[in-house]
Structure formats: structure tokens, C-alpha cells
Amino acid sequence: MLKLPGALQEDAVTAELVVKVLDEKLADRPTAIVVVLMDLLAKFMLLVVYLDAVSKRAELRSAPPAAKLAIVSVLNTYFLVREAFQIYTMQQLGLSWEYWSDFWNLNDLAGSALVFVVVGMVGSSDEATRLSATSRGLSALASIFVWLKFLGGIKVLNIKLATFVYSLNMVRERCLH
């Protein structure tokens, strides 16, 4: 399945027979389930803490608490390092094009980079930087990326929970072709 292009991989993995086999295999592997759930929990924590520290603040006259920005930075670093390992692995398998052509990979990379930029701007000691329209716009865009990252994690857990994610993917496919 790794040799298939990104969209075909997703179609293959979500085929009814494959889903049934994978569900049966994962049921026997509690470690795999724990890893998937921990990853989803990390995505959820990133989403909640990021929104609380950055996006929810109507008045950014004072910088968000340093602890919240540190938690966002640590979680974001984890996801960025994971993407770097994924890029390396795909390159070693000769599948680097498949990595770069996948919407979810690009979303994760762009989102992680943007979150770091926003955390730097919002954590700045300069009030004008925190209150600028650019800062607010980048914060909103990063929020979208973080939401998509979380929704992308849900599709791994249960496909029925991720209808919205698949709808977005179908729209993206239609726009690209």
C-alpha cells in the first residue's frame, strides 16, 4: 500500500475489508491503540492550549502566560520532529513525492511552522506586534491548521467521526483535478 499515491492509499485503507482487518489486528494490539490515542490526545492538547493562549484572547495587551506558550511549543516541536522523521522515512523508501503530494502532510508542516511564528509574535514583549492585524490574521490561519491536524487524527480513530475531514479532502481533490 505504501507504493500507492496518497489519495489511493487513503481509499485502500478505508476500504471496508481493509478497515475490518485493521480493526481486528489493532484490537489485538493494545500498544498500537495506546499510541494512536496518545497522539490524538497530544493533538487535542495542542488545539486547546493554543486556542486558549493565542486565539481566544480578545485583548492581547498582556502576553499570554509563558507556561501555556511553552506547552504549545513543546507539543508543536514533537509534531515537527515527527514530520521530519516521516519525510526521512519516505525519502529512504523512494516515496518522497507521495509525502509532498499529500494534503495532510503539508497541513502538518505548514501548521507547525505557522504556530511557531504566532507563538513568537504573541509572546513578544512588544504590544504593537501582539495587536497587529498580521498577528491576528496569522493566529486565525494557524488555528485552522491546528483544527485540521486534530480532525486528521480523528479519521485514524474512527472514520465515522471524520465525515467533515473527508468532505474537505473531496473538495480538495475536486479543486486539484
C-alpha atoms as a PDB file:
ATOM      1  CA  MET A   1       0.000   0.000   0.000  1.00  0.00           C
ATOM      2  CA  LEU A   2       2.941   2.336   0.585  1.00  0.00           C
ATOM      3  CA  LYS A   3       3.688   2.443  -3.124  1.00  0.00           C
ATOM      4  CA  LEU A   4       0.231   3.827  -3.957  1.00  0.00           C
ATOM      5  CA  PRO A   5      -0.223   7.579  -4.441  1.00  0.00           C
ATOM      6  CA  GLY A   6      -1.615   9.453  -1.403  1.00  0.00           C
ATOM      7  CA  ALA A   7      -5.266   9.509  -2.471  1.00  0.00           C
ATOM      8  CA  LEU A   8      -5.229   5.828  -3.439  1.00  0.00           C
ATOM      9  CA  GLN A   9      -3.590   4.927  -0.121  1.00  0.00           C
ATOM     10  CA  GLU A  10      -6.439   6.606   1.702  1.00  0.00           C
ATOM     11  CA  ASP A  11      -9.002   4.849  -0.477  1.00  0.00           C
ATOM     12  CA  ALA A  12      -7.306   1.491   0.103  1.00  0.00           C
ATOM     13  CA  VAL A  13      -7.025   1.944   3.847  1.00  0.00           C
ATOM     14  CA  THR A  14     -10.661   2.978   4.136  1.00  0.00           C
ATOM     15  CA  ALA A  15     -11.987   0.096   2.033  1.00  0.00           C
ATOM     16  CA  GLU A  16     -14.479  -1.916   4.096  1.00  0.00           C
ATOM     17  CA  LEU A  17     -12.458  -5.136   4.018  1.00  0.00           C
ATOM     18  CA  VAL A  18      -9.185  -3.402   4.904  1.00  0.00           C
ATOM     19  CA  VAL A  19     -10.831  -1.455   7.734  1.00  0.00           C
ATOM     20  CA  LYS A  20     -12.251  -4.687   9.147  1.00  0.00           C
ATOM     21  CA  VAL A  21      -8.874  -6.441   9.005  1.00  0.00           C
ATOM     22  CA  LEU A  22      -7.044  -3.466  10.515  1.00  0.00           C
ATOM     23  CA  ASP A  23      -9.645  -3.118  13.273  1.00  0.00           C
ATOM     24  CA  GLU A  24      -9.244  -6.801  14.137  1.00  0.00           C
ATOM     25  CA  LYS A  25      -5.461  -6.520  14.107  1.00  0.00           C
ATOM     26  CA  LEU A  26      -5.459  -3.357  16.217  1.00  0.00           C
ATOM     27  CA  ALA A  27      -7.844  -4.934  18.704  1.00  0.00           C
ATOM     28  CA  ASP A  28      -5.115  -7.481  19.416  1.00  0.00           C
ATOM     29  CA  ARG A  29      -2.502  -4.778  19.762  1.00  0.00           C
ATOM     30  CA  PRO A  30      -3.218  -2.571  22.770  1.00  0.00           C
ATOM     31  CA  THR A  31       0.096  -0.784  22.277  1.00  0.00           C
ATOM     32  CA  ALA A  32      -0.949   0.442  18.829  1.00  0.00           C
ATOM     33  CA  ILE A  33      -4.253   1.665  20.219  1.00  0.00           C
ATOM     34  CA  VAL A  34      -2.496   3.481  23.065  1.00  0.00           C
ATOM     35  CA  VAL A  35      -0.099   5.152  20.610  1.00  0.00           C
ATOM     36  CA  VAL A  36      -2.966   6.329  18.405  1.00  0.00           C
ATOM     37  CA  LEU A  37      -4.922   7.611  21.410  1.00  0.00           C
ATOM     38  CA  MET A  38      -1.865   9.386  22.875  1.00  0.00           C
ATOM     39  CA  ASP A  39      -1.226  11.047  19.535  1.00  0.00           C
ATOM     40  CA  LEU A  40      -4.834  12.196  19.357  1.00  0.00           C
ATOM     41  CA  LEU A  41      -4.610  13.447  22.948  1.00  0.00           C
ATOM     42  CA  ALA A  42      -1.463  15.417  22.084  1.00  0.00           C
ATOM     43  CA  LYS A  43      -3.263  16.971  19.099  1.00  0.00           C
ATOM     44  CA  PHE A  44      -6.234  17.836  21.299  1.00  0.00           C
ATOM     45  CA  MET A  45      -3.960  19.387  23.943  1.00  0.00           C
ATOM     46  CA  LEU A  46      -2.190  21.432  21.281  1.00  0.00           C
ATOM     47  CA  LEU A  47      -5.541  22.641  19.981  1.00  0.00           C
ATOM     48  CA  VAL A  48      -6.964  23.574  23.375  1.00  0.00           C
ATOM     49  CA  VAL A  49      -3.838  25.201  24.797  1.00  0.00           C
ATOM     50  CA  TYR A  50      -3.069  27.044  21.561  1.00  0.00           C
ATOM     51  CA  LEU A  51      -6.600  28.434  21.299  1.00  0.00           C
ATOM     52  CA  ASP A  52      -6.570  29.427  24.962  1.00  0.00           C
ATOM     53  CA  ALA A  53      -3.138  31.050  24.848  1.00  0.00           C
ATOM     54  CA  VAL A  54      -3.350  32.750  21.477  1.00  0.00           C
ATOM     55  CA  SER A  55      -6.623  32.826  19.618  1.00  0.00           C
ATOM     56  CA  LYS A  56      -9.173  33.292  22.381  1.00  0.00           C
ATOM     57  CA  ARG A  57      -7.564  36.431  23.745  1.00  0.00           C
ATOM     58  CA  ALA A  58      -9.590  39.406  22.565  1.00  0.00           C
ATOM     59  CA  GLU A  59      -7.268  41.749  24.367  1.00  0.00           C
ATOM     60  CA  LEU A  60      -3.631  40.890  23.877  1.00  0.00           C
ATOM     61  CA  ARG A  61      -2.399  43.840  25.875  1.00  0.00           C
ATOM     62  CA  SER A  62      -0.566  41.427  28.142  1.00  0.00           C
ATOM     63  CA  ALA A  63       1.333  38.455  26.796  1.00  0.00           C
ATOM     64  CA  PRO A  64      -0.219  35.007  27.375  1.00  0.00           C
ATOM     65  CA  PRO A  65       1.257  33.074  30.297  1.00  0.00           C
ATOM     66  CA  ALA A  66       4.698  31.752  29.443  1.00  0.00           C
ATOM     67  CA  ALA A  67       3.711  28.270  30.655  1.00  0.00           C
ATOM     68  CA  LYS A  68       0.956  27.997  28.034  1.00  0.00           C
ATOM     69  CA  LEU A  69       3.271  29.171  25.270  1.00  0.00           C
ATOM     70  CA  ALA A  70       5.885  26.664  26.460  1.00  0.00           C
ATOM     71  CA  ILE A  71       3.343  23.802  26.349  1.00  0.00           C
ATOM     72  CA  VAL A  72       2.313  24.820  22.822  1.00  0.00           C
ATOM     73  CA  SER A  73       5.974  24.994  21.782  1.00  0.00           C
ATOM     74  CA  VAL A  74       6.814  21.559  23.222  1.00  0.00           C
ATOM     75  CA  LEU A  75       3.800  19.875  21.622  1.00  0.00           C
ATOM     76  CA  ASN A  76       4.436  21.636  18.327  1.00  0.00           C
ATOM     77  CA  THR A  77       8.101  20.586  18.400  1.00  0.00           C
ATOM     78  CA  TYR A  78       7.016  16.964  18.886  1.00  0.00           C
ATOM     79  CA  PHE A  79       4.821  17.143  15.780  1.00  0.00           C
ATOM     80  CA  LEU A  80       7.530  18.898  13.764  1.00  0.00           C
ATOM     81  CA  VAL A  81      10.144  16.272  14.697  1.00  0.00           C
ATOM     82  CA  ARG A  82       7.664  13.532  13.813  1.00  0.00           C
ATOM     83  CA  GLU A  83       7.137  15.111  10.394  1.00  0.00           C
ATOM     84  CA  ALA A  84      10.909  15.283   9.887  1.00  0.00           C
ATOM     85  CA  PHE A  85      11.182  11.545  10.608  1.00  0.00           C
ATOM     86  CA  GLN A  86       8.295  10.867   8.252  1.00  0.00           C
ATOM     87  CA  ILE A  87       9.993  12.875   5.481  1.00  0.00           C
ATOM     88  CA  TYR A  88      13.231  10.983   6.055  1.00  0.00           C
ATOM     89  CA  THR A  89      11.482   7.594   6.030  1.00  0.00           C
ATOM     90  CA  MET A  90       9.523   8.338   2.868  1.00  0.00           C
ATOM     91  CA  GLN A  91      12.695   9.577   1.189  1.00  0.00           C
ATOM     92  CA  GLN A  92      14.524   6.368   2.149  1.00  0.00           C
ATOM     93  CA  LEU A  93      11.664   4.337   0.644  1.00  0.00           C
ATOM     94  CA  GLY A  94      11.849   6.385  -2.549  1.00  0.00           C
ATOM     95  CA  LEU A  95       8.386   7.800  -1.909  1.00  0.00           C
ATOM     96  CA  SER A  96       9.204  11.436  -1.244  1.00  0.00           C
ATOM     97  CA  TRP A  97       6.774  12.623  -3.942  1.00  0.00           C
ATOM     98  CA  GLU A  98       3.947  10.797  -2.182  1.00  0.00           C
ATOM     99  CA  TYR A  99       4.810  12.620   1.032  1.00  0.00           C
ATOM    100  CA  TRP A 100       4.874  16.072  -0.586  1.00  0.00           C
ATOM    101  CA  SER A 101       1.710  15.466  -2.585  1.00  0.00           C
ATOM    102  CA  ASP A 102      -0.368  14.539   0.464  1.00  0.00           C
ATOM    103  CA  PHE A 103      -2.599  17.304   1.837  1.00  0.00           C
ATOM    104  CA  TRP A 104      -2.326  16.119   5.448  1.00  0.00           C
ATOM    105  CA  ASN A 105       1.470  16.179   5.451  1.00  0.00           C
ATOM    106  CA  LEU A 106       1.553  19.680   4.008  1.00  0.00           C
ATOM    107  CA  ASN A 107      -1.077  20.768   6.537  1.00  0.00           C
ATOM    108  CA  ASP A 108       1.020  19.420   9.412  1.00  0.00           C
ATOM    109  CA  LEU A 109       4.210  21.105   8.205  1.00  0.00           C
ATOM    110  CA  ALA A 110       2.622  24.453   7.412  1.00  0.00           C
ATOM    111  CA  GLY A 111       0.616  24.402  10.624  1.00  0.00           C
ATOM    112  CA  SER A 112       3.626  23.652  12.800  1.00  0.00           C
ATOM    113  CA  ALA A 113       5.703  26.385  11.184  1.00  0.00           C
ATOM    114  CA  LEU A 114       2.880  28.888  11.496  1.00  0.00           C
ATOM    115  CA  VAL A 115       2.212  28.017  15.143  1.00  0.00           C
ATOM    116  CA  PHE A 116       5.860  28.788  15.949  1.00  0.00           C
ATOM    117  CA  VAL A 117       5.587  32.159  14.179  1.00  0.00           C
ATOM    118  CA  VAL A 118       2.385  33.044  16.025  1.00  0.00           C
ATOM    119  CA  VAL A 119       3.761  31.952  19.408  1.00  0.00           C
ATOM    120  CA  GLY A 120       6.773  34.166  18.789  1.00  0.00           C
ATOM    121  CA  MET A 121       4.619  37.140  17.841  1.00  0.00           C
ATOM    122  CA  VAL A 122       2.088  36.718  20.653  1.00  0.00           C
ATOM    123  CA  GLY A 123       4.783  36.004  23.220  1.00  0.00           C
ATOM    124  CA  SER A 124       6.630  39.131  22.152  1.00  0.00           C
ATOM    125  CA  SER A 125       7.142  41.891  24.657  1.00  0.00           C
ATOM    126  CA  ASP A 126       6.059  44.399  22.004  1.00  0.00           C
ATOM    127  CA  GLU A 127       2.359  45.203  22.395  1.00  0.00           C
ATOM    128  CA  ALA A 128       2.106  46.547  18.826  1.00  0.00           C
ATOM    129  CA  THR A 129       3.280  43.170  17.477  1.00  0.00           C
ATOM    130  CA  ARG A 130       0.681  41.288  19.550  1.00  0.00           C
ATOM    131  CA  LEU A 131      -2.137  43.623  18.493  1.00  0.00           C
ATOM    132  CA  SER A 132      -1.243  43.919  14.808  1.00  0.00           C
ATOM    133  CA  ALA A 133      -3.658  42.773  12.123  1.00  0.00           C
ATOM    134  CA  THR A 134      -0.919  40.498  10.785  1.00  0.00           C
ATOM    135  CA  SER A 135      -0.610  38.775  14.145  1.00  0.00           C
ATOM    136  CA  ARG A 136      -4.360  38.260  14.406  1.00  0.00           C
ATOM    137  CA  GLY A 137      -4.591  37.016  10.812  1.00  0.00           C
ATOM    138  CA  LEU A 138      -1.717  34.548  11.242  1.00  0.00           C
ATOM    139  CA  SER A 139      -3.245  33.407  14.520  1.00  0.00           C
ATOM    140  CA  ALA A 140      -6.561  32.672  12.795  1.00  0.00           C
ATOM    141  CA  LEU A 141      -4.820  30.822   9.955  1.00  0.00           C
ATOM    142  CA  ALA A 142      -2.760  28.777  12.407  1.00  0.00           C
ATOM    143  CA  SER A 143      -5.974  27.935  14.286  1.00  0.00           C
ATOM    144  CA  ILE A 144      -7.394  26.449  11.081  1.00  0.00           C
ATOM    145  CA  PHE A 145      -4.261  24.347  10.565  1.00  0.00           C
ATOM    146  CA  VAL A 146      -4.355  23.092  14.164  1.00  0.00           C
ATOM    147  CA  TRP A 147      -8.061  22.207  13.838  1.00  0.00           C
ATOM    148  CA  LEU A 148      -7.318  20.297  10.627  1.00  0.00           C
ATOM    149  CA  LYS A 149      -4.456  18.485  12.360  1.00  0.00           C
ATOM    150  CA  PHE A 150      -6.859  17.384  15.097  1.00  0.00           C
ATOM    151  CA  LEU A 151      -9.560  16.361  12.612  1.00  0.00           C
ATOM    152  CA  GLY A 152      -6.954  14.430  10.631  1.00  0.00           C
ATOM    153  CA  GLY A 153      -6.176  12.498  13.823  1.00  0.00           C
ATOM    154  CA  ILE A 154      -9.828  11.667  14.337  1.00  0.00           C
ATOM    155  CA  LYS A 155     -10.006   9.952  10.951  1.00  0.00           C
ATOM    156  CA  VAL A 156      -7.437   7.423  12.175  1.00  0.00           C
ATOM    157  CA  LEU A 157      -9.517   6.637  15.254  1.00  0.00           C
ATOM    158  CA  ASN A 158     -12.925   6.237  13.658  1.00  0.00           C
ATOM    159  CA  ILE A 159     -13.880   7.059  10.124  1.00  0.00           C
ATOM    160  CA  LYS A 160     -17.468   7.868  11.097  1.00  0.00           C
ATOM    161  CA  LEU A 161     -16.239  10.683  13.338  1.00  0.00           C
ATOM    162  CA  ALA A 162     -14.311  12.218  10.479  1.00  0.00           C
ATOM    163  CA  THR A 163     -17.001  12.878   7.883  1.00  0.00           C
ATOM    164  CA  PHE A 164     -16.064  16.536   7.841  1.00  0.00           C
ATOM    165  CA  VAL A 165     -12.413  15.685   7.227  1.00  0.00           C
ATOM    166  CA  TYR A 166     -13.300  13.520   4.255  1.00  0.00           C
ATOM    167  CA  SER A 167     -15.605  16.193   2.896  1.00  0.00           C
ATOM    168  CA  LEU A 168     -12.706  18.641   2.948  1.00  0.00           C
ATOM    169  CA  ASN A 169     -10.487  16.090   1.246  1.00  0.00           C
ATOM    170  CA  MET A 170     -13.067  15.524  -1.502  1.00  0.00           C
ATOM    171  CA  VAL A 171     -13.312  19.272  -2.105  1.00  0.00           C
ATOM    172  CA  ARG A 172      -9.526  19.477  -2.286  1.00  0.00           C
ATOM    173  CA  GLU A 173      -9.385  16.584  -4.752  1.00  0.00           C
ATOM    174  CA  ARG A 174     -12.024  18.244  -6.958  1.00  0.00           C
ATOM    175  CA  CYS A 175     -10.104  21.520  -6.926  1.00  0.00           C
ATOM    176  CA  LEU A 176      -6.821  19.851  -7.875  1.00  0.00           C
ATOM    177  CA  HIS A 177      -8.212  17.762 -10.721  1.00  0.00           C
END
